[in-house]
Each structure stands twice: as structure tokens, then as C-alpha cells.
Amino acid sequence: MDWNRVEGNWKQWTGKIKEQWADLTDEELNKIAGKREQLEGKLQERYGKAKDMVRKDVEDWLKTLH
């Protein structure tokens, strides 16, 4: 799955995102509004991971989507 599909249907994907990254709040997800860079930045902040690791985590998550 490519990010454009996630971004275009952001509200539908927020549940799956919360399953993967439960520490993100609904308010944060609303502010992110489908922007991948903002999601990755928030994940870095929330989970204390390096940027390249967060990017890999998001890529791996995208591969699990149908």
C-alpha cells in the first residue's frame, strides 16, 4: 500500500494506526491529518526512537495493510 491511499482515507485508517501505536491520541491523529512526516515526528517524540527507525516502522506497517 502506498502512503497516498492512507492519506486520502486518513479517518478510516486511524483505528489501524492506534492498534499499531496505541500511545497516539485521537487529538494527535487529527492534527497529523494524514501527513506522513508529522506521523513519523510524533512517533519519534512519543516512543523515543531515531528517525530512520520510525521510518522503517511505518514502512513495515504499510506492508501489512491490504
Protein backbone atom coordinates (compact mmCIF):
# COMPACT_ATOMS: atom_id res chain seq x y z
CA MET A 1 0.00 0.00 0.00
CA ASP A 2 1.29 3.45 -0.73
CA TRP A 3 1.01 6.42 1.61
CA ASN A 4 -1.25 8.39 -0.76
CA ARG A 5 -4.06 5.91 -0.11
CA VAL A 6 -3.58 6.19 3.64
CA GLU A 7 -3.51 9.98 3.48
CA GLY A 8 -6.59 10.11 1.27
CA ASN A 9 -8.60 7.96 3.68
CA TRP A 10 -6.99 9.10 6.91
CA LYS A 11 -10.08 8.87 9.11
CA GLN A 12 -10.60 5.24 8.04
CA TRP A 13 -7.00 4.33 8.89
CA THR A 14 -6.77 5.98 12.30
CA GLY A 15 -8.12 2.86 14.02
CA LYS A 16 -5.41 0.70 12.48
CA ILE A 17 -2.80 3.29 13.40
CA LYS A 18 -4.00 3.28 17.01
CA GLU A 19 -3.79 -0.52 17.04
CA GLN A 20 -0.15 -0.28 15.96
CA TRP A 21 0.83 2.78 18.03
CA ALA A 22 -1.58 2.88 20.97
CA ASP A 23 0.14 5.83 22.67
CA LEU A 24 -1.08 8.25 19.99
CA THR A 25 -4.19 10.19 20.97
CA ASP A 26 -7.20 10.97 18.80
CA GLU A 27 -6.28 14.65 19.02
CA GLU A 28 -2.76 13.96 17.75
CA LEU A 29 -4.10 11.85 14.91
CA ASN A 30 -6.49 14.64 13.93
CA LYS A 31 -3.62 17.14 13.86
CA ILE A 32 -1.46 14.77 11.79
CA ALA A 33 -4.30 14.59 9.24
CA GLY A 34 -2.57 12.05 7.04
CA LYS A 35 0.80 13.79 6.79
CA ARG A 36 3.42 11.07 6.95
CA GLU A 37 6.22 13.36 8.15
CA GLN A 38 4.05 14.56 11.02
CA LEU A 39 3.15 11.00 11.96
CA GLU A 40 6.80 9.99 11.94
CA GLY A 41 7.74 13.03 14.02
CA LYS A 42 5.05 12.28 16.58
CA LEU A 43 6.16 8.63 16.75
CA GLN A 44 9.75 9.75 17.35
CA GLU A 45 8.58 12.03 20.14
CA ARG A 46 6.22 9.52 21.74
CA TYR A 47 8.40 6.40 21.51
CA GLY A 48 11.89 7.95 21.65
CA LYS A 49 13.14 6.25 18.51
CA ALA A 50 15.54 7.52 15.87
CA LYS A 51 14.08 8.97 12.67
CA ASP A 52 15.35 6.13 10.47
CA MET A 53 13.89 3.51 12.82
CA VAL A 54 10.50 5.23 12.85
CA ARG A 55 10.55 5.46 9.06
CA LYS A 56 11.23 1.70 8.88
CA ASP A 57 8.42 1.01 11.36
CA VAL A 58 5.96 2.98 9.22
CA GLU A 59 7.16 1.20 6.05
CA ASP A 60 6.76 -2.19 7.73
CA TRP A 61 3.26 -1.19 8.89
CA LEU A 62 2.29 -0.12 5.37
CA LYS A 63 3.34 -3.54 4.04
CA THR A 64 0.85 -5.23 6.40
CA LEU A 65 -2.12 -3.28 5.00
CA HIS A 66 -4.36 -4.76 2.33
